[in-house]
Each structure stands twice: as C-alpha cells, then as structure tokens.
Amino acid sequence: MSSQIKIYHNPACGTSRNTLALIRNTGIEPEVIEYLQYPPSKAQLIDLIQQSALSVRDAIRKNVDVYKTLKLDQTEWTDDQLLNFMLQYPILINRPFVVTELGVRLCRPSELVLDLLSVPQRAAFSKEDGEIIIDQQLKRLK
C-alpha cells in the first residue's frame, strides 16, 4: 500500500517526535520535512492552515522569543503580515502539521495524528513522558 504522509517536523520538539513515532508505529515511513531548515512556501503554509481549519493566529507558536520581541500578540497585525513573519522566522510555525489522504491537522497533542492515519498501530505506544496512548491490546486510550 502506498500511503503518502508528510510531517512538518522539528526534531527538537517532543510533541513532534511523538507524532512522528506514532506514524512510524503503523509501519509507514512518512516524508519528514524539517521545516526550520526547509520552510514551506507561503502558498503551502496558507494551504496547511486552511486545510487544518485554523486561523493564522492559531498556527503561530506564541511561546518563542521572536513572538514576544515582535509583539505579535497585538491585534493590528494582518494575517498576511503574520504569514510573512512565519516564513521569515519558521520557529513561529506551530508544529507538527501532518498531511495524509484523510486530511491535514496540527497534531497538538500528538495523538491527534491517529485520526489522520488509515493504517492501524502495530504495537503498544507510550509518549516520551510515559503517557500510554496505545495499550498492549492495541486500543487507543487518548
């Protein structure tokens, strides 16, 4: 079966690592896009946000220094300006976005990726912090 899955991934992020591990737990190796090194185009970013049914503000990481430095919490910034900041400073793009044949989603928390996977989990799975997501009977707990 050829299932093309993309993950916009930051290997330094636990949520992103857990999401990637849940995808791999199906036996599928996704296309991993390290978006800090290879940011999406403006059109791709807009598409990811729209397909996820998010607002531009929902897709921005707020707990990073550049967000505070640029005062992006102020309401006068337009969506277009915010998108341009996200492209200039990719750390502002929330993660991980996952694209599958079932849709696009910002997978926070990581177990939201399970709603996008058409292939079942092959083994029990716990997050890095020990939280069990898939039990020994392969039942989803979260």
N, C-alpha and C. Protein backbone atom coordinates (compact mmCIF):
# COMPACT_ATOMS: atom_id res chain seq x y z
N MET A 1 0.86 -1.18 0.00
CA MET A 1 0.00 0.00 0.00
C MET A 1 0.90 1.23 0.00
N SER A 2 0.57 2.19 -0.84
CA SER A 2 1.38 3.40 -0.84
C SER A 2 0.57 4.50 -0.18
N SER A 3 0.95 4.80 1.01
CA SER A 3 0.30 5.89 1.74
C SER A 3 1.30 7.01 1.88
N GLN A 4 1.01 8.14 1.26
CA GLN A 4 1.95 9.25 1.33
C GLN A 4 1.56 10.16 2.48
N ILE A 5 2.39 10.18 3.46
CA ILE A 5 2.17 11.02 4.65
C ILE A 5 3.34 11.98 4.73
N LYS A 6 3.02 13.25 5.01
CA LYS A 6 4.05 14.26 5.24
C LYS A 6 3.90 14.77 6.66
N ILE A 7 5.03 15.01 7.30
CA ILE A 7 5.04 15.65 8.60
C ILE A 7 6.02 16.82 8.55
N TYR A 8 5.52 17.99 8.95
CA TYR A 8 6.38 19.17 9.11
C TYR A 8 6.92 19.09 10.53
N HIS A 9 8.17 18.71 10.63
CA HIS A 9 8.76 18.19 11.87
C HIS A 9 9.87 19.08 12.39
N ASN A 10 9.94 19.15 13.73
CA ASN A 10 11.07 19.77 14.41
C ASN A 10 11.62 18.71 15.37
N PRO A 11 12.79 18.13 15.08
CA PRO A 11 13.32 17.06 15.92
C PRO A 11 13.61 17.49 17.36
N ALA A 12 13.67 18.79 17.63
CA ALA A 12 13.90 19.27 18.99
C ALA A 12 12.61 19.32 19.81
N CYS A 13 11.47 19.03 19.20
CA CYS A 13 10.17 19.15 19.85
C CYS A 13 9.63 17.77 20.22
N GLY A 14 9.33 17.57 21.49
CA GLY A 14 8.80 16.29 21.96
C GLY A 14 7.48 15.93 21.30
N THR A 15 6.58 16.90 21.14
CA THR A 15 5.29 16.62 20.50
C THR A 15 5.51 16.15 19.07
N SER A 16 6.41 16.81 18.38
CA SER A 16 6.72 16.43 17.01
C SER A 16 7.35 15.03 16.95
N ARG A 17 8.26 14.73 17.86
CA ARG A 17 8.89 13.40 17.90
C ARG A 17 7.85 12.32 18.19
N ASN A 18 6.94 12.58 19.14
CA ASN A 18 5.89 11.60 19.45
C ASN A 18 4.97 11.38 18.26
N THR A 19 4.63 12.46 17.56
CA THR A 19 3.76 12.35 16.38
C THR A 19 4.43 11.50 15.31
N LEU A 20 5.70 11.78 15.04
CA LEU A 20 6.44 11.00 14.06
C LEU A 20 6.50 9.53 14.46
N ALA A 21 6.73 9.27 15.74
CA ALA A 21 6.80 7.89 16.22
C ALA A 21 5.46 7.17 16.06
N LEU A 22 4.35 7.88 16.28
CA LEU A 22 3.03 7.26 16.08
C LEU A 22 2.80 6.92 14.60
N ILE A 23 3.25 7.79 13.70
CA ILE A 23 3.14 7.47 12.27
C ILE A 23 3.97 6.23 11.96
N ARG A 24 5.20 6.21 12.42
CA ARG A 24 6.09 5.07 12.15
C ARG A 24 5.58 3.79 12.79
N ASN A 25 4.79 3.90 13.86
CA ASN A 25 4.24 2.73 14.55
C ASN A 25 3.19 2.01 13.68
N THR A 26 2.81 2.61 12.56
CA THR A 26 1.92 1.95 11.61
C THR A 26 2.72 1.14 10.58
N GLY A 27 4.04 1.31 10.57
CA GLY A 27 4.88 0.66 9.58
C GLY A 27 5.14 1.53 8.36
N ILE A 28 4.62 2.74 8.38
CA ILE A 28 4.80 3.67 7.27
C ILE A 28 5.92 4.65 7.61
N GLU A 29 6.78 4.87 6.64
CA GLU A 29 7.82 5.90 6.78
C GLU A 29 7.34 7.14 6.04
N PRO A 30 7.02 8.20 6.79
CA PRO A 30 6.50 9.40 6.14
C PRO A 30 7.61 10.24 5.50
N GLU A 31 7.18 11.19 4.70
CA GLU A 31 8.10 12.22 4.23
C GLU A 31 8.27 13.20 5.38
N VAL A 32 9.48 13.32 5.89
CA VAL A 32 9.76 14.19 7.03
C VAL A 32 10.36 15.49 6.50
N ILE A 33 9.64 16.57 6.75
CA ILE A 33 10.10 17.89 6.31
C ILE A 33 10.53 18.67 7.56
N GLU A 34 11.83 18.84 7.72
CA GLU A 34 12.32 19.63 8.85
C GLU A 34 12.13 21.09 8.48
N TYR A 35 10.98 21.62 8.89
CA TYR A 35 10.52 22.92 8.38
C TYR A 35 11.38 24.09 8.85
N LEU A 36 12.18 23.93 9.89
CA LEU A 36 13.08 25.03 10.27
C LEU A 36 14.18 25.21 9.23
N GLN A 37 14.59 24.09 8.61
CA GLN A 37 15.61 24.14 7.55
C GLN A 37 14.98 24.37 6.18
N TYR A 38 13.80 23.78 5.98
CA TYR A 38 13.12 23.83 4.69
C TYR A 38 11.68 24.30 4.90
N PRO A 39 11.50 25.60 5.16
CA PRO A 39 10.15 26.09 5.44
C PRO A 39 9.24 25.95 4.22
N PRO A 40 7.95 25.81 4.46
CA PRO A 40 7.02 25.75 3.33
C PRO A 40 6.98 27.09 2.62
N SER A 41 6.50 27.08 1.39
CA SER A 41 6.26 28.33 0.67
C SER A 41 5.06 29.02 1.32
N LYS A 42 4.84 30.25 0.97
CA LYS A 42 3.69 30.97 1.51
C LYS A 42 2.40 30.25 1.11
N ALA A 43 2.31 29.83 -0.13
CA ALA A 43 1.11 29.13 -0.60
C ALA A 43 0.91 27.81 0.17
N GLN A 44 2.00 27.07 0.39
CA GLN A 44 1.91 25.82 1.16
C GLN A 44 1.46 26.09 2.60
N LEU A 45 2.02 27.12 3.22
CA LEU A 45 1.66 27.46 4.59
C LEU A 45 0.18 27.84 4.69
N ILE A 46 -0.27 28.66 3.76
CA ILE A 46 -1.69 29.05 3.75
C ILE A 46 -2.56 27.81 3.59
N ASP A 47 -2.16 26.90 2.69
CA ASP A 47 -2.92 25.68 2.45
C ASP A 47 -2.98 24.80 3.70
N LEU A 48 -1.84 24.63 4.38
CA LEU A 48 -1.80 23.82 5.61
C LEU A 48 -2.76 24.40 6.65
N ILE A 49 -2.71 25.70 6.83
CA ILE A 49 -3.54 26.37 7.83
C ILE A 49 -5.02 26.23 7.46
N GLN A 50 -5.35 26.50 6.20
CA GLN A 50 -6.75 26.43 5.77
C GLN A 50 -7.29 25.01 5.86
N GLN A 51 -6.53 24.03 5.40
CA GLN A 51 -6.99 22.64 5.44
C GLN A 51 -7.13 22.13 6.87
N SER A 52 -6.39 22.71 7.79
CA SER A 52 -6.49 22.33 9.21
C SER A 52 -7.65 23.04 9.91
N ALA A 53 -8.32 23.93 9.18
CA ALA A 53 -9.43 24.72 9.73
C ALA A 53 -8.97 25.59 10.90
N LEU A 54 -7.76 26.12 10.77
CA LEU A 54 -7.20 27.00 11.80
C LEU A 54 -7.19 28.43 11.27
N SER A 55 -7.09 29.37 12.19
CA SER A 55 -6.79 30.74 11.79
C SER A 55 -5.27 30.88 11.74
N VAL A 56 -4.79 31.92 11.10
CA VAL A 56 -3.35 32.15 11.06
C VAL A 56 -2.82 32.28 12.50
N ARG A 57 -3.55 32.99 13.34
CA ARG A 57 -3.11 33.15 14.74
C ARG A 57 -3.04 31.81 15.47
N ASP A 58 -3.96 30.88 15.14
CA ASP A 58 -3.94 29.55 15.77
C ASP A 58 -2.68 28.77 15.38
N ALA A 59 -2.13 29.08 14.22
CA ALA A 59 -0.99 28.33 13.70
C ALA A 59 0.36 28.92 14.12
N ILE A 60 0.32 30.00 14.88
CA ILE A 60 1.56 30.64 15.34
C ILE A 60 1.95 30.12 16.72
N ARG A 61 3.24 29.83 16.87
CA ARG A 61 3.77 29.49 18.20
C ARG A 61 3.94 30.78 18.98
N LYS A 62 3.34 30.79 20.16
CA LYS A 62 3.35 32.02 20.96
C LYS A 62 4.42 32.01 22.04
N ASN A 63 4.98 30.86 22.34
CA ASN A 63 5.93 30.76 23.46
C ASN A 63 7.38 30.78 23.00
N VAL A 64 7.64 31.54 21.93
CA VAL A 64 9.02 31.71 21.47
C VAL A 64 9.40 33.18 21.54
N ASP A 65 10.68 33.43 21.71
CA ASP A 65 11.15 34.81 21.93
C ASP A 65 10.76 35.76 20.81
N VAL A 66 10.87 35.30 19.56
CA VAL A 66 10.60 36.20 18.44
C VAL A 66 9.13 36.67 18.45
N TYR A 67 8.22 35.84 18.95
CA TYR A 67 6.81 36.24 19.06
C TYR A 67 6.68 37.44 20.00
N LYS A 68 7.39 37.34 21.13
CA LYS A 68 7.34 38.42 22.12
C LYS A 68 8.08 39.66 21.62
N THR A 69 9.25 39.44 21.02
CA THR A 69 10.07 40.55 20.52
C THR A 69 9.32 41.37 19.48
N LEU A 70 8.63 40.70 18.58
CA LEU A 70 7.90 41.38 17.50
C LEU A 70 6.51 41.85 17.94
N LYS A 71 6.15 41.50 19.20
CA LYS A 71 4.83 41.88 19.74
C LYS A 71 3.70 41.41 18.83
N LEU A 72 3.78 40.13 18.45
CA LEU A 72 2.79 39.58 17.52
C LEU A 72 1.43 39.34 18.17
N ASP A 73 1.34 39.53 19.47
CA ASP A 73 0.05 39.41 20.14
C ASP A 73 -0.84 40.62 19.87
N GLN A 74 -0.27 41.70 19.34
CA GLN A 74 -1.05 42.90 19.06
C GLN A 74 -1.97 42.66 17.87
N THR A 75 -3.20 43.14 18.01
CA THR A 75 -4.24 42.81 17.04
C THR A 75 -4.11 43.53 15.70
N GLU A 76 -3.25 44.53 15.62
CA GLU A 76 -3.17 45.26 14.34
C GLU A 76 -2.46 44.48 13.24
N TRP A 77 -1.74 43.41 13.58
CA TRP A 77 -1.06 42.61 12.56
C TRP A 77 -2.11 41.90 11.70
N THR A 78 -1.99 42.01 10.38
CA THR A 78 -2.89 41.30 9.48
C THR A 78 -2.43 39.85 9.33
N ASP A 79 -3.32 39.00 8.82
CA ASP A 79 -2.93 37.62 8.56
C ASP A 79 -1.75 37.57 7.60
N ASP A 80 -1.76 38.40 6.58
CA ASP A 80 -0.68 38.41 5.62
C ASP A 80 0.65 38.78 6.27
N GLN A 81 0.62 39.77 7.15
CA GLN A 81 1.85 40.15 7.86
C GLN A 81 2.32 39.00 8.76
N LEU A 82 1.38 38.35 9.44
CA LEU A 82 1.74 37.23 10.32
C LEU A 82 2.33 36.08 9.52
N LEU A 83 1.74 35.78 8.36
CA LEU A 83 2.29 34.73 7.50
C LEU A 83 3.71 35.08 7.08
N ASN A 84 3.95 36.33 6.72
CA ASN A 84 5.30 36.74 6.31
C ASN A 84 6.30 36.58 7.46
N PHE A 85 5.89 36.90 8.68
CA PHE A 85 6.77 36.67 9.84
C PHE A 85 7.04 35.18 10.01
N MET A 86 6.02 34.34 9.82
CA MET A 86 6.20 32.89 9.97
C MET A 86 7.20 32.35 8.95
N LEU A 87 7.19 32.92 7.76
CA LEU A 87 8.13 32.48 6.73
C LEU A 87 9.53 33.03 7.00
N GLN A 88 9.61 34.24 7.52
CA GLN A 88 10.91 34.85 7.86
C GLN A 88 11.53 34.16 9.07
N TYR A 89 10.68 33.78 10.04
CA TYR A 89 11.12 33.12 11.27
C TYR A 89 10.33 31.82 11.41
N PRO A 90 10.76 30.73 10.75
CA PRO A 90 9.97 29.49 10.76
C PRO A 90 9.70 28.93 12.16
N ILE A 91 10.47 29.32 13.16
CA ILE A 91 10.21 28.87 14.53
C ILE A 91 8.81 29.31 14.98
N LEU A 92 8.25 30.30 14.31
CA LEU A 92 6.90 30.77 14.63
C LEU A 92 5.80 29.82 14.13
N ILE A 93 6.15 28.90 13.23
CA ILE A 93 5.16 27.96 12.71
C ILE A 93 4.94 26.87 13.75
N ASN A 94 3.71 26.75 14.20
CA ASN A 94 3.41 25.70 15.17
C ASN A 94 3.59 24.34 14.51
N ARG A 95 3.84 23.33 15.30
CA ARG A 95 4.12 22.01 14.74
C ARG A 95 3.62 20.93 15.67
N PRO A 96 3.53 19.75 15.12
CA PRO A 96 3.76 19.34 13.75
C PRO A 96 2.47 19.33 12.92
N PHE A 97 2.55 19.87 11.72
CA PHE A 97 1.47 19.69 10.76
C PHE A 97 1.69 18.34 10.09
N VAL A 98 0.61 17.58 9.94
CA VAL A 98 0.67 16.28 9.27
C VAL A 98 -0.34 16.29 8.13
N VAL A 99 0.09 15.79 6.98
CA VAL A 99 -0.74 15.69 5.79
C VAL A 99 -0.87 14.22 5.41
N THR A 100 -2.12 13.73 5.33
CA THR A 100 -2.38 12.36 4.86
C THR A 100 -3.54 12.41 3.87
N GLU A 101 -3.89 11.24 3.34
CA GLU A 101 -5.02 11.18 2.42
C GLU A 101 -6.34 11.49 3.15
N LEU A 102 -6.33 11.46 4.47
CA LEU A 102 -7.54 11.75 5.25
C LEU A 102 -7.65 13.21 5.67
N GLY A 103 -6.61 14.01 5.38
CA GLY A 103 -6.70 15.42 5.73
C GLY A 103 -5.40 15.98 6.25
N VAL A 104 -5.51 17.18 6.81
CA VAL A 104 -4.37 17.91 7.35
C VAL A 104 -4.74 18.35 8.76
N ARG A 105 -3.76 18.25 9.66
CA ARG A 105 -4.05 18.65 11.03
C ARG A 105 -2.77 19.10 11.71
N LEU A 106 -2.93 20.09 12.59
CA LEU A 106 -1.86 20.43 13.53
C LEU A 106 -2.00 19.45 14.69
N CYS A 107 -1.03 18.58 14.84
CA CYS A 107 -1.14 17.47 15.79
C CYS A 107 -0.59 17.85 17.17
N ARG A 108 -1.34 18.67 17.86
CA ARG A 108 -1.07 19.05 19.24
C ARG A 108 -2.34 18.80 20.03
N PRO A 109 -2.42 17.82 20.87
CA PRO A 109 -1.37 16.85 21.24
C PRO A 109 -1.10 15.83 20.13
N SER A 110 0.01 15.13 20.27
CA SER A 110 0.50 14.25 19.21
C SER A 110 -0.49 13.16 18.82
N GLU A 111 -1.32 12.68 19.75
CA GLU A 111 -2.24 11.59 19.43
C GLU A 111 -3.34 11.99 18.45
N LEU A 112 -3.49 13.29 18.17
CA LEU A 112 -4.43 13.72 17.14
C LEU A 112 -4.08 13.13 15.78
N VAL A 113 -2.81 12.77 15.58
CA VAL A 113 -2.40 12.17 14.32
C VAL A 113 -3.14 10.86 14.06
N LEU A 114 -3.58 10.18 15.10
CA LEU A 114 -4.27 8.90 14.92
C LEU A 114 -5.54 9.07 14.08
N ASP A 115 -6.17 10.24 14.16
CA ASP A 115 -7.38 10.50 13.36
C ASP A 115 -7.07 10.65 11.88
N LEU A 116 -5.80 10.83 11.54
CA LEU A 116 -5.40 11.03 10.15
C LEU A 116 -4.79 9.78 9.52
N LEU A 117 -4.65 8.73 10.29
CA LEU A 117 -3.97 7.52 9.80
C LEU A 117 -5.00 6.46 9.41
N SER A 118 -4.91 5.96 8.18
CA SER A 118 -5.83 4.93 7.72
C SER A 118 -5.32 3.53 8.02
N VAL A 119 -4.10 3.45 8.54
CA VAL A 119 -3.47 2.17 8.87
C VAL A 119 -3.38 2.06 10.40
N PRO A 120 -3.70 0.89 10.97
CA PRO A 120 -3.68 0.77 12.44
C PRO A 120 -2.27 0.76 13.02
N GLN A 121 -2.21 1.05 14.30
CA GLN A 121 -0.97 0.94 15.05
C GLN A 121 -0.58 -0.53 15.16
N ARG A 122 0.73 -0.80 15.10
CA ARG A 122 1.21 -2.19 15.11
C ARG A 122 1.73 -2.64 16.46
N ALA A 123 1.86 -1.70 17.40
CA ALA A 123 2.41 -2.06 18.71
C ALA A 123 1.89 -1.06 19.75
N ALA A 124 2.01 -1.44 21.01
CA ALA A 124 1.68 -0.50 22.08
C ALA A 124 2.56 0.73 21.93
N PHE A 125 2.06 1.88 22.42
CA PHE A 125 2.83 3.12 22.26
C PHE A 125 2.63 4.00 23.47
N SER A 126 3.75 4.49 24.00
CA SER A 126 3.74 5.50 25.06
C SER A 126 4.54 6.69 24.58
N LYS A 127 4.06 7.88 24.97
CA LYS A 127 4.80 9.10 24.66
C LYS A 127 6.11 9.12 25.42
N GLU A 128 6.98 10.04 25.07
CA GLU A 128 8.28 10.16 25.74
C GLU A 128 8.12 10.38 27.23
N ASP A 129 7.02 11.02 27.64
CA ASP A 129 6.82 11.27 29.08
C ASP A 129 6.19 10.07 29.79
N GLY A 130 5.96 8.98 29.07
CA GLY A 130 5.42 7.76 29.67
C GLY A 130 3.91 7.61 29.52
N GLU A 131 3.21 8.65 29.07
CA GLU A 131 1.76 8.55 28.89
C GLU A 131 1.43 7.50 27.83
N ILE A 132 0.59 6.54 28.20
CA ILE A 132 0.22 5.47 27.28
C ILE A 132 -0.87 5.97 26.33
N ILE A 133 -0.63 5.83 25.05
CA ILE A 133 -1.58 6.23 24.01
C ILE A 133 -2.25 5.00 23.40
N ILE A 134 -1.46 3.96 23.11
CA ILE A 134 -1.95 2.70 22.57
C ILE A 134 -1.55 1.60 23.56
N ASP A 135 -2.55 0.88 24.09
CA ASP A 135 -2.23 -0.14 25.11
C ASP A 135 -1.77 -1.45 24.46
N GLN A 136 -1.50 -2.45 25.31
CA GLN A 136 -0.97 -3.73 24.83
C GLN A 136 -1.94 -4.45 23.90
N GLN A 137 -3.23 -4.15 24.03
CA GLN A 137 -4.25 -4.76 23.16
C GLN A 137 -4.48 -3.92 21.90
N LEU A 138 -3.61 -2.91 21.70
CA LEU A 138 -3.66 -2.00 20.55
C LEU A 138 -4.91 -1.13 20.56
N LYS A 139 -5.45 -0.90 21.74
CA LYS A 139 -6.59 0.01 21.87
C LYS A 139 -6.08 1.41 22.14
N ARG A 140 -6.72 2.39 21.50
CA ARG A 140 -6.38 3.80 21.69
C ARG A 140 -6.97 4.26 23.03
N LEU A 141 -6.11 4.83 23.87
CA LEU A 141 -6.56 5.31 25.18
C LEU A 141 -6.81 6.81 25.20
N LYS A 142 -6.26 7.54 24.27
CA LYS A 142 -6.42 9.01 24.23
C LYS A 142 -6.98 9.45 22.90
